[in-house]
PDB file of N, CA and C in Angstrom:
ATOM      1  N   UNK A   1       0.992  -1.103   0.121  1.00  0.00           N
ATOM      2  CA  UNK A   1       0.020  -0.007  -0.015  1.00  0.00           C
ATOM      3  C   UNK A   1       0.803   1.339   0.134  1.00  0.00           C
ATOM      4  N   UNK A   2       1.732   1.278   0.823  1.00  0.00           N
ATOM      5  CA  UNK A   2       2.189   2.274   0.998  1.00  0.00           C
ATOM      6  C   UNK A   2       3.760   1.772   1.465  1.00  0.00           C
ATOM      7  N   UNK A   3       5.238   2.725   0.642  1.00  0.00           N
ATOM      8  CA  UNK A   3       5.863   2.429   1.001  1.00  0.00           C
ATOM      9  C   UNK A   3       7.011   3.097   1.859  1.00  0.00           C
ATOM     10  N   UNK A   4       8.060   2.921   2.423  1.00  0.00           N
ATOM     11  CA  UNK A   4       9.528   4.142   3.050  1.00  0.00           C
ATOM     12  C   UNK A   4      10.651   3.448   2.324  1.00  0.00           C
ATOM     13  N   UNK A   5      11.684   4.571   1.823  1.00  0.00           N
ATOM     14  CA  UNK A   5      12.549   4.288   1.580  1.00  0.00           C
ATOM     15  C   UNK A   5      13.579   4.297   2.902  1.00  0.00           C
ATOM     16  N   UNK A   6      14.523   3.190   2.976  1.00  0.00           N
ATOM     17  CA  UNK A   6      15.420   3.234   4.176  1.00  0.00           C
ATOM     18  C   UNK A   6      15.622   4.553   4.489  1.00  0.00           C
ATOM     19  N   UNK A   7      16.045   5.742   3.798  1.00  0.00           N
ATOM     20  CA  UNK A   7      16.686   6.985   4.838  1.00  0.00           C
ATOM     21  C   UNK A   7      15.091   7.381   5.173  1.00  0.00           C
ATOM     22  N   UNK A   8      14.175   6.971   4.937  1.00  0.00           N
ATOM     23  CA  UNK A   8      12.810   7.538   5.633  1.00  0.00           C
ATOM     24  C   UNK A   8      12.645   6.460   7.410  1.00  0.00           C
ATOM     25  N   UNK A   9      13.061   5.771   6.952  1.00  0.00           N
ATOM     26  CA  UNK A   9      12.545   4.269   7.575  1.00  0.00           C
ATOM     27  C   UNK A   9      13.455   4.915   8.804  1.00  0.00           C
ATOM     28  N   UNK A  10      14.730   5.137   8.458  1.00  0.00           N
ATOM     29  CA  UNK A  10      15.717   5.500   9.546  1.00  0.00           C
ATOM     30  C   UNK A  10      15.127   6.884  10.330  1.00  0.00           C
ATOM     31  N   UNK A  11      15.048   7.931   9.406  1.00  0.00           N
ATOM     32  CA  UNK A  11      14.728   9.272   9.965  1.00  0.00           C
ATOM     33  C   UNK A  11      13.422   9.153  10.862  1.00  0.00           C
ATOM     34  N   UNK A  12      12.345   8.410  10.637  1.00  0.00           N
ATOM     35  CA  UNK A  12      11.221   8.127  11.605  1.00  0.00           C
ATOM     36  C   UNK A  12      11.720   7.490  12.989  1.00  0.00           C
ATOM     37  N   UNK A  13      12.612   6.298  12.232  1.00  0.00           N
ATOM     38  CA  UNK A  13      13.343   5.852  14.110  1.00  0.00           C
ATOM     39  C   UNK A  13      13.815   6.624  14.445  1.00  0.00           C
ATOM     40  N   UNK A  14      14.788   7.428  14.684  1.00  0.00           N
ATOM     41  CA  UNK A  14      15.352   8.580  15.038  1.00  0.00           C
ATOM     42  C   UNK A  14      14.576   9.453  15.580  1.00  0.00           C
ATOM     43  N   UNK A  15      13.941   9.610  14.898  1.00  0.00           N
ATOM     44  CA  UNK A  15      12.400  10.863  15.454  1.00  0.00           C
ATOM     45  C   UNK A  15      11.759  10.390  16.532  1.00  0.00           C
ATOM     46  N   UNK A  16      11.027   8.915  16.581  1.00  0.00           N
ATOM     47  CA  UNK A  16      10.508   8.182  17.028  1.00  0.00           C
ATOM     48  C   UNK A  16      10.772   7.950  18.546  1.00  0.00           C
ATOM     49  N   UNK A  17      12.331   8.004  18.600  1.00  0.00           N
ATOM     50  CA  UNK A  17      12.731   8.146  20.044  1.00  0.00           C
ATOM     51  C   UNK A  17      12.727   9.485  20.992  1.00  0.00           C
ATOM     52  N   UNK A  18      12.632  10.685  20.482  1.00  0.00           N
ATOM     53  CA  UNK A  18      13.097  11.568  20.637  1.00  0.00           C
ATOM     54  C   UNK A  18      11.516  12.196  21.194  1.00  0.00           C
ATOM     55  N   UNK A  19      10.096  11.386  20.566  1.00  0.00           N
ATOM     56  CA  UNK A  19       8.775  12.096  20.993  1.00  0.00           C
ATOM     57  C   UNK A  19       8.530  10.470  22.278  1.00  0.00           C
ATOM     58  N   UNK A  20       7.726  11.228  23.288  1.00  0.00           N
ATOM     59  CA  UNK A  20       7.245  10.366  24.286  1.00  0.00           C
ATOM     60  C   UNK A  20       5.641   9.777  23.771  1.00  0.00           C
ATOM     61  N   UNK A  21       5.746   8.854  24.193  1.00  0.00           N
ATOM     62  CA  UNK A  21       4.370   7.827  24.195  1.00  0.00           C
ATOM     63  C   UNK A  21       3.871   8.108  22.518  1.00  0.00           C
ATOM     64  N   UNK A  22       5.007   8.048  21.840  1.00  0.00           N
ATOM     65  CA  UNK A  22       4.413   7.699  19.992  1.00  0.00           C
ATOM     66  C   UNK A  22       4.898   6.851  19.890  1.00  0.00           C
ATOM     67  N   UNK A  23       3.698   6.296  18.928  1.00  0.00           N
ATOM     68  CA  UNK A  23       3.495   4.417  18.307  1.00  0.00           C
ATOM     69  C   UNK A  23       4.313   4.647  16.752  1.00  0.00           C
ATOM     70  N   UNK A  24       3.757   6.046  16.793  1.00  0.00           N
ATOM     71  CA  UNK A  24       4.348   5.728  14.806  1.00  0.00           C
ATOM     72  C   UNK A  24       4.274   7.288  14.155  1.00  0.00           C
ATOM     73  N   UNK A  25       4.115   7.135  13.000  1.00  0.00           N
ATOM     74  CA  UNK A  25       4.082   8.543  12.581  1.00  0.00           C
ATOM     75  C   UNK A  25       2.765   8.091  11.500  1.00  0.00           C
ATOM     76  N   UNK A  26       1.847   9.283  11.494  1.00  0.00           N
ATOM     77  CA  UNK A  26       0.251   9.331  10.703  1.00  0.00           C
ATOM     78  C   UNK A  26       0.630  10.513   9.636  1.00  0.00           C
ATOM     79  N   UNK A  27       0.228   9.333   8.508  1.00  0.00           N
ATOM     80  CA  UNK A  27       0.687  10.150   7.297  1.00  0.00           C
ATOM     81  C   UNK A  27      -0.815  10.353   6.421  1.00  0.00           C
ATOM     82  N   UNK A  28      -1.060  11.621   5.993  1.00  0.00           N
ATOM     83  CA  UNK A  28      -2.364  11.356   6.080  1.00  0.00           C
ATOM     84  C   UNK A  28      -2.961  12.586   4.857  1.00  0.00           C
ATOM     85  N   UNK A  29      -3.924  13.171   4.477  1.00  0.00           N
ATOM     86  CA  UNK A  29      -4.577  14.019   3.325  1.00  0.00           C
ATOM     87  C   UNK A  29      -5.826  14.545   3.531  1.00  0.00           C
ATOM     88  N   UNK A  30      -5.864  16.002   3.408  1.00  0.00           N
ATOM     89  CA  UNK A  30      -6.886  16.499   3.461  1.00  0.00           C
ATOM     90  C   UNK A  30      -7.048  17.633   2.699  1.00  0.00           C
ATOM     91  N   UNK A  31      -8.194  18.096   2.546  1.00  0.00           N
ATOM     92  CA  UNK A  31      -8.782  18.883   1.450  1.00  0.00           C
ATOM     93  C   UNK A  31      -7.783  20.122   1.580  1.00  0.00           C
ATOM     94  N   UNK A  32      -7.406  20.987   0.588  1.00  0.00           N
ATOM     95  CA  UNK A  32      -6.685  21.940   1.031  1.00  0.00           C
ATOM     96  C   UNK A  32      -5.517  22.318  -0.626  1.00  0.00           C
ATOM     97  N   UNK A  33      -4.606  23.016  -0.301  1.00  0.00           N
ATOM     98  CA  UNK A  33      -3.825  23.470  -0.676  1.00  0.00           C
ATOM     99  C   UNK A  33      -4.146  23.695  -2.111  1.00  0.00           C
ATOM    100  N   UNK A  34      -2.879  24.076  -3.106  1.00  0.00           N
ATOM    101  CA  UNK A  34      -3.702  24.791  -4.394  1.00  0.00           C
ATOM    102  C   UNK A  34      -4.000  23.592  -5.216  1.00  0.00           C
ATOM    103  N   UNK A  35      -4.024  22.234  -5.275  1.00  0.00           N
ATOM    104  CA  UNK A  35      -3.930  21.620  -6.397  1.00  0.00           C
ATOM    105  C   UNK A  35      -5.539  20.527  -5.796  1.00  0.00           C
ATOM    106  N   UNK A  36      -6.404  21.383  -4.644  1.00  0.00           N
ATOM    107  CA  UNK A  36      -7.304  19.719  -3.626  1.00  0.00           C
ATOM    108  C   UNK A  36      -7.078  19.510  -2.682  1.00  0.00           C
ATOM    109  N   UNK A  37      -5.883  18.836  -2.558  1.00  0.00           N
ATOM    110  CA  UNK A  37      -5.248  18.120  -1.618  1.00  0.00           C
ATOM    111  C   UNK A  37      -4.018  18.465  -1.020  1.00  0.00           C
ATOM    112  N   UNK A  38      -3.891  18.131  -0.017  1.00  0.00           N
ATOM    113  CA  UNK A  38      -2.583  18.106   0.926  1.00  0.00           C
ATOM    114  C   UNK A  38      -2.390  17.302   1.754  1.00  0.00           C
ATOM    115  N   UNK A  39      -0.761  16.585   1.812  1.00  0.00           N
ATOM    116  CA  UNK A  39      -0.363  15.798   2.717  1.00  0.00           C
ATOM    117  C   UNK A  39      -0.432  16.479   4.039  1.00  0.00           C
ATOM    118  N   UNK A  40      -0.033  15.351   5.165  1.00  0.00           N
ATOM    119  CA  UNK A  40       0.315  15.939   6.111  1.00  0.00           C
ATOM    120  C   UNK A  40       0.859  14.882   7.249  1.00  0.00           C
ATOM    121  N   UNK A  41       1.456  15.334   8.077  1.00  0.00           N
ATOM    122  CA  UNK A  41       2.345  13.611   8.818  1.00  0.00           C
ATOM    123  C   UNK A  41       1.972  14.610  10.386  1.00  0.00           C
ATOM    124  N   UNK A  42       1.609  13.318  11.181  1.00  0.00           N
ATOM    125  CA  UNK A  42       2.320  13.672  12.735  1.00  0.00           C
ATOM    126  C   UNK A  42       2.356  12.386  13.404  1.00  0.00           C
ATOM    127  N   UNK A  43       3.194  12.735  14.494  1.00  0.00           N
ATOM    128  CA  UNK A  43       3.395  11.597  15.149  1.00  0.00           C
ATOM    129  C   UNK A  43       1.886  10.887  16.180  1.00  0.00           C
ATOM    130  N   UNK A  44       1.664   9.960  16.286  1.00  0.00           N
ATOM    131  CA  UNK A  44       0.281   9.378  16.685  1.00  0.00           C
ATOM    132  C   UNK A  44       0.902   8.355  17.838  1.00  0.00           C
ATOM    133  N   UNK A  45      -0.010   8.906  19.010  1.00  0.00           N
ATOM    134  CA  UNK A  45       0.047   8.450  20.417  1.00  0.00           C
ATOM    135  C   UNK A  45      -1.148   7.073  20.407  1.00  0.00           C
ATOM    136  N   UNK A  46      -1.962   7.122  19.547  1.00  0.00           N
ATOM    137  CA  UNK A  46      -3.053   5.800  19.475  1.00  0.00           C
ATOM    138  C   UNK A  46      -4.067   5.962  18.269  1.00  0.00           C
ATOM    139  N   UNK A  47      -4.243   4.602  18.411  1.00  0.00           N
ATOM    140  CA  UNK A  47      -4.709   4.007  16.682  1.00  0.00           C
ATOM    141  C   UNK A  47      -6.501   4.119  16.788  1.00  0.00           C
ATOM    142  N   UNK A  48      -6.739   4.834  15.800  1.00  0.00           N
ATOM    143  CA  UNK A  48      -8.351   4.861  15.741  1.00  0.00           C
ATOM    144  C   UNK A  48      -8.759   3.696  15.135  1.00  0.00           C
ATOM    145  N   UNK A  49      -9.703   3.462  15.232  1.00  0.00           N
ATOM    146  CA  UNK A  49     -10.810   2.034  15.009  1.00  0.00           C
ATOM    147  C   UNK A  49     -10.826   1.888  13.095  1.00  0.00           C
ATOM    148  N   UNK A  50     -10.948   2.622  12.426  1.00  0.00           N
ATOM    149  CA  UNK A  50     -10.340   2.646  10.702  1.00  0.00           C
ATOM    150  C   UNK A  50      -8.683   2.747  10.340  1.00  0.00           C
ATOM    151  N   UNK A  51      -7.842   2.602  11.310  1.00  0.00           N
ATOM    152  CA  UNK A  51      -6.932   2.922  10.883  1.00  0.00           C
ATOM    153  C   UNK A  51      -6.074   1.373  10.330  1.00  0.00           C
ATOM    154  N   UNK A  52      -4.881   2.186   8.978  1.00  0.00           N
ATOM    155  CA  UNK A  52      -3.975   1.108   8.523  1.00  0.00           C
ATOM    156  C   UNK A  52      -2.949   1.171   9.293  1.00  0.00           C
ATOM    157  N   UNK A  53      -2.212  -0.071   9.523  1.00  0.00           N
ATOM    158  CA  UNK A  53      -0.722   0.279   9.916  1.00  0.00           C
ATOM    159  C   UNK A  53       0.095  -0.053   9.052  1.00  0.00           C
ATOM    160  N   UNK A  54       1.037   0.159   8.491  1.00  0.00           N
ATOM    161  CA  UNK A  54       1.844  -0.497   7.597  1.00  0.00           C
ATOM    162  C   UNK A  54       3.170  -0.454   8.278  1.00  0.00           C
ATOM    163  N   UNK A  55       3.908  -1.937   8.908  1.00  0.00           N
ATOM    164  CA  UNK A  55       4.945  -2.269   9.646  1.00  0.00           C
ATOM    165  C   UNK A  55       6.412  -2.415   9.087  1.00  0.00           C
ATOM    166  N   UNK A  56       7.533  -1.769   9.166  1.00  0.00           N
ATOM    167  CA  UNK A  56       8.607  -2.029   8.576  1.00  0.00           C
ATOM    168  C   UNK A  56       9.737  -2.383   9.835  1.00  0.00           C
ATOM    169  N   UNK A  57      10.191  -3.312  10.349  1.00  0.00           N
ATOM    170  CA  UNK A  57      10.482  -3.118  11.603  1.00  0.00           C
ATOM    171  C   UNK A  57      10.365  -2.865  12.565  1.00  0.00           C
ATOM    172  N   UNK A  58      10.503  -1.865  13.476  1.00  0.00           N
ATOM    173  CA  UNK A  58      10.493  -0.887  14.500  1.00  0.00           C
ATOM    174  C   UNK A  58       9.261   0.037  13.776  1.00  0.00           C
ATOM    175  N   UNK A  59       9.140   0.517  13.030  1.00  0.00           N
ATOM    176  CA  UNK A  59       8.564   1.393  12.295  1.00  0.00           C
ATOM    177  C   UNK A  59       7.290   1.360  11.650  1.00  0.00           C
ATOM    178  N   UNK A  60       6.359   2.264  12.392  1.00  0.00           N
ATOM    179  CA  UNK A  60       4.695   2.351  11.796  1.00  0.00           C
ATOM    180  C   UNK A  60       4.343   3.439  11.518  1.00  0.00           C
ATOM    181  N   UNK A  61       3.918   3.005  10.554  1.00  0.00           N
ATOM    182  CA  UNK A  61       3.284   3.980   9.437  1.00  0.00           C
ATOM    183  C   UNK A  61       1.500   4.224   9.581  1.00  0.00           C
ATOM    184  N   UNK A  62       0.862   5.246  10.139  1.00  0.00           N
ATOM    185  CA  UNK A  62      -1.029   4.913  10.579  1.00  0.00           C
ATOM    186  C   UNK A  62      -1.458   5.693   9.337  1.00  0.00           C
ATOM    187  N   UNK A  63      -2.508   5.590   8.490  1.00  0.00           N
ATOM    188  CA  UNK A  63      -3.061   6.005   8.132  1.00  0.00           C
ATOM    189  C   UNK A  63      -4.921   5.483   8.349  1.00  0.00           C
ATOM    190  N   UNK A  64      -5.386   7.060   7.937  1.00  0.00           N
ATOM    191  CA  UNK A  64      -6.910   6.664   8.433  1.00  0.00           C
ATOM    192  C   UNK A  64      -7.655   6.480   7.359  1.00  0.00           C
ATOM    193  N   UNK A  65      -8.649   5.512   7.517  1.00  0.00           N
ATOM    194  CA  UNK A  65      -9.880   5.027   6.191  1.00  0.00           C
ATOM    195  C   UNK A  65     -10.116   5.787   5.242  1.00  0.00           C
ATOM    196  N   UNK A  66      -9.940   7.357   5.050  1.00  0.00           N
ATOM    197  CA  UNK A  66     -10.437   7.881   4.013  1.00  0.00           C
ATOM    198  C   UNK A  66      -9.063   8.680   3.260  1.00  0.00           C
ATOM    199  N   UNK A  67      -7.400   8.593   4.460  1.00  0.00           N
ATOM    200  CA  UNK A  67      -6.045   8.892   3.120  1.00  0.00           C
ATOM    201  C   UNK A  67      -5.844   7.847   2.604  1.00  0.00           C
ATOM    202  N   UNK A  68      -6.197   6.441   3.390  1.00  0.00           N
ATOM    203  CA  UNK A  68      -5.219   5.229   2.560  1.00  0.00           C
ATOM    204  C   UNK A  68      -5.436   4.788   1.042  1.00  0.00           C
ATOM    205  N   UNK A  69      -6.560   5.253   0.691  1.00  0.00           N
ATOM    206  CA  UNK A  69      -7.007   4.751  -0.970  1.00  0.00           C
ATOM    207  C   UNK A  69      -6.257   5.807  -1.786  1.00  0.00           C
ATOM    208  N   UNK A  70      -6.539   7.535  -1.111  1.00  0.00           N
ATOM    209  CA  UNK A  70      -5.009   8.079  -1.729  1.00  0.00           C
ATOM    210  C   UNK A  70      -3.900   8.253  -1.893  1.00  0.00           C
ATOM    211  N   UNK A  71      -3.455   7.542  -0.878  1.00  0.00           N
ATOM    212  CA  UNK A  71      -1.861   7.200  -0.509  1.00  0.00           C
ATOM    213  C   UNK A  71      -1.544   5.763  -0.965  1.00  0.00           C
ATOM    214  N   UNK A  72      -2.262   5.005  -1.342  1.00  0.00           N
ATOM    215  CA  UNK A  72      -2.036   3.970  -1.862  1.00  0.00           C
ATOM    216  C   UNK A  72      -0.964   3.938  -3.291  1.00  0.00           C
ATOM    217  N   UNK A  73       0.258   3.184  -3.340  1.00  0.00           N
ATOM    218  CA  UNK A  73       1.522   3.070  -4.338  1.00  0.00           C
ATOM    219  C   UNK A  73       2.407   4.198  -3.939  1.00  0.00           C
ATOM    220  N   UNK A  74       1.824   4.991  -2.841  1.00  0.00           N
ATOM    221  CA  UNK A  74       2.889   6.054  -2.423  1.00  0.00           C
ATOM    222  C   UNK A  74       4.362   5.450  -1.508  1.00  0.00           C
ATOM    223  N   UNK A  75       5.110   6.409  -2.010  1.00  0.00           N
ATOM    224  CA  UNK A  75       6.643   5.838  -1.042  1.00  0.00           C
ATOM    225  C   UNK A  75       6.512   7.561  -0.592  1.00  0.00           C
ATOM    226  N   UNK A  76       7.179   7.115   0.939  1.00  0.00           N
ATOM    227  CA  UNK A  76       7.729   8.311   1.952  1.00  0.00           C
ATOM    228  C   UNK A  76       9.074   8.126   1.728  1.00  0.00           C
ATOM    229  N   UNK A  77       9.766   9.293   1.156  1.00  0.00           N
ATOM    230  CA  UNK A  77      11.170   9.296   1.346  1.00  0.00           C
ATOM    231  C   UNK A  77      11.631  10.860   2.201  1.00  0.00           C
ATOM    232  N   UNK A  78      13.187  10.408   2.815  1.00  0.00           N
ATOM    233  CA  UNK A  78      13.961  12.038   3.545  1.00  0.00           C
ATOM    234  C   UNK A  78      14.442  12.243   2.798  1.00  0.00           C
ATOM    235  N   UNK A  79      14.640  13.732   2.573  1.00  0.00           N
ATOM    236  CA  UNK A  79      15.577  14.125   1.471  1.00  0.00           C
ATOM    237  C   UNK A  79      15.914  15.271   2.156  1.00  0.00           C
ATOM    238  N   UNK A  80      17.656  15.259   2.477  1.00  0.00           N
ATOM    239  CA  UNK A  80      18.397  16.273   3.179  1.00  0.00           C
ATOM    240  C   UNK A  80      19.140  16.838   2.489  1.00  0.00           C
ATOM    241  N   UNK A  81      18.856  18.548   1.841  1.00  0.00           N
ATOM    242  CA  UNK A  81      19.312  18.803   0.304  1.00  0.00           C
ATOM    243  C   UNK A  81      19.992  20.771   1.278  1.00  0.00           C
ATOM    244  N   UNK A  82      20.575  21.273   0.448  1.00  0.00           N
ATOM    245  CA  UNK A  82      21.190  22.241   0.649  1.00  0.00           C
ATOM    246  C   UNK A  82      19.928  23.711   0.977  1.00  0.00           C
ATOM    247  N   UNK A  83      18.539  23.024   0.466  1.00  0.00           N
ATOM    248  CA  UNK A  83      17.155  23.932   0.527  1.00  0.00           C
ATOM    249  C   UNK A  83      16.761  23.299   1.618  1.00  0.00           C
ATOM    250  N   UNK A  84      16.968  22.255   2.229  1.00  0.00           N
ATOM    251  CA  UNK A  84      16.345  22.327   3.477  1.00  0.00           C
ATOM    252  C   UNK A  84      15.784  20.365   3.742  1.00  0.00           C
ATOM    253  N   UNK A  85      15.647  20.091   4.520  1.00  0.00           N
ATOM    254  CA  UNK A  85      15.331  18.998   4.885  1.00  0.00           C
ATOM    255  C   UNK A  85      13.953  18.415   5.392  1.00  0.00           C
ATOM    256  N   UNK A  86      13.765  17.383   4.761  1.00  0.00           N
ATOM    257  CA  UNK A  86      11.964  16.904   5.171  1.00  0.00           C
ATOM    258  C   UNK A  86      11.660  15.598   4.693  1.00  0.00           C
ATOM    259  N   UNK A  87      10.632  15.317   5.237  1.00  0.00           N
ATOM    260  CA  UNK A  87      10.073  13.913   4.101  1.00  0.00           C
ATOM    261  C   UNK A  87       9.311  14.347   3.034  1.00  0.00           C
ATOM    262  N   UNK A  88       9.038  13.705   2.187  1.00  0.00           N
ATOM    263  CA  UNK A  88       8.915  13.844   0.869  1.00  0.00           C
ATOM    264  C   UNK A  88       7.930  12.413   0.311  1.00  0.00           C
ATOM    265  N   UNK A  89       6.655  12.944  -0.193  1.00  0.00           N
ATOM    266  CA  UNK A  89       5.914  11.726  -0.847  1.00  0.00           C
ATOM    267  C   UNK A  89       5.640  11.814  -2.162  1.00  0.00           C
ATOM    268  N   UNK A  90       6.196  10.243  -2.761  1.00  0.00           N
ATOM    269  CA  UNK A  90       6.073  10.067  -4.327  1.00  0.00           C
ATOM    270  C   UNK A  90       4.391   9.771  -4.696  1.00  0.00           C
ATOM    271  N   UNK A  91       3.835   9.842  -5.187  1.00  0.00           N
ATOM    272  CA  UNK A  91       2.535   9.762  -5.098  1.00  0.00           C
ATOM    273  C   UNK A  91       1.713   9.472  -6.416  1.00  0.00           C
ATOM    274  N   UNK A  92       2.217   8.197  -7.104  1.00  0.00           N
ATOM    275  CA  UNK A  92       2.024   7.624  -8.810  1.00  0.00           C
ATOM    276  C   UNK A  92       0.439   8.324  -9.302  1.00  0.00           C
ATOM    277  N   UNK A  93      -0.569   8.450  -7.924  1.00  0.00           N
ATOM    278  CA  UNK A  93      -2.204   8.391  -8.271  1.00  0.00           C
ATOM    279  C   UNK A  93      -1.873  10.233  -8.766  1.00  0.00           C
ATOM    280  N   UNK A  94      -1.601  10.883  -8.250  1.00  0.00           N
ATOM    281  CA  UNK A  94      -1.292  12.658  -8.366  1.00  0.00           C
ATOM    282  C   UNK A  94      -1.252  12.538 -10.151  1.00  0.00           C
ATOM    283  N   UNK A  95      -2.838  12.997 -10.184  1.00  0.00           N
ATOM    284  CA  UNK A  95      -2.213  13.922 -11.407  1.00  0.00           C
ATOM    285  C   UNK A  95      -1.694  15.227 -12.131  1.00  0.00           C
ATOM    286  N   UNK A  96      -1.754  16.145 -11.281  1.00  0.00           N
ATOM    287  CA  UNK A  96      -0.939  17.382 -10.934  1.00  0.00           C
ATOM    288  C   UNK A  96      -0.183  17.803  -9.212  1.00  0.00           C
ATOM    289  N   UNK A  97       0.370  18.135  -9.074  1.00  0.00           N
ATOM    290  CA  UNK A  97       1.264  18.291  -8.284  1.00  0.00           C
ATOM    291  C   UNK A  97       1.687  20.551  -8.259  1.00  0.00           C
ATOM    292  N   UNK A  98       1.685  20.454  -7.049  1.00  0.00           N
ATOM    293  CA  UNK A  98       2.299  22.248  -7.009  1.00  0.00           C
ATOM    294  C   UNK A  98       4.017  22.240  -7.037  1.00  0.00           C
ATOM    295  N   UNK A  99       4.365  23.178  -6.838  1.00  0.00           N
ATOM    296  CA  UNK A  99       6.128  23.669  -7.256  1.00  0.00           C
ATOM    297  C   UNK A  99       6.472  23.171  -6.040  1.00  0.00           C
ATOM    298  N   UNK A 100       5.820  23.262  -4.994  1.00  0.00           N
ATOM    299  CA  UNK A 100       6.820  22.919  -3.346  1.00  0.00           C
ATOM    300  C   UNK A 100       6.306  21.454  -2.629  1.00  0.00           C
ATOM    301  N   UNK A 101       5.247  20.196  -3.602  1.00  0.00           N
ATOM    302  CA  UNK A 101       5.173  18.986  -3.276  1.00  0.00           C
ATOM    303  C   UNK A 101       4.497  18.164  -2.207  1.00  0.00           C
ATOM    304  N   UNK A 102       3.624  19.647  -1.510  1.00  0.00           N
ATOM    305  CA  UNK A 102       2.941  19.544  -0.639  1.00  0.00           C
ATOM    306  C   UNK A 102       1.219  19.267  -0.818  1.00  0.00           C
ATOM    307  N   UNK A 103       0.776  19.603  -1.923  1.00  0.00           N
ATOM    308  CA  UNK A 103      -0.354  19.125  -2.264  1.00  0.00           C
ATOM    309  C   UNK A 103      -0.881  18.322  -4.255  1.00  0.00           C
ATOM    310  N   UNK A 104      -1.698  17.969  -4.042  1.00  0.00           N
ATOM    311  CA  UNK A 104      -1.987  17.390  -5.622  1.00  0.00           C
ATOM    312  C   UNK A 104      -3.326  17.286  -5.988  1.00  0.00           C
ATOM    313  N   UNK A 105      -3.450  17.085  -7.087  1.00  0.00           N
ATOM    314  CA  UNK A 105      -5.156  16.349  -7.078  1.00  0.00           C
ATOM    315  C   UNK A 105      -5.100  15.036  -7.726  1.00  0.00           C
ATOM    316  N   UNK A 106      -5.791  14.312  -7.464  1.00  0.00           N
ATOM    317  CA  UNK A 106      -6.382  12.983  -7.842  1.00  0.00           C
ATOM    318  C   UNK A 106      -7.113  12.993  -9.157  1.00  0.00           C
TER     319      UNK A 106
END
């Protein structure tokens, strides 16, 4: 459903150690942005009834039932460049994306 690059997996693992009472990284889609949908990420301390959990070793990525179909086939990566560092989502379902990569249309 959703995959993580080894770099993203390692960065999530590092960040989870710093966060108290956190079980994983929630990746979600919400309305907004310049193309209709916007990606979001947050550390999560509990699961919802409709959540899907993707586990790779001790790293968990959590998605709600509304976001999961829009994230199917996505790859989560962590990039560290001279312009900044952060997580990036590569979404094969995105028909258009904005220049910053944080919003898309499906």
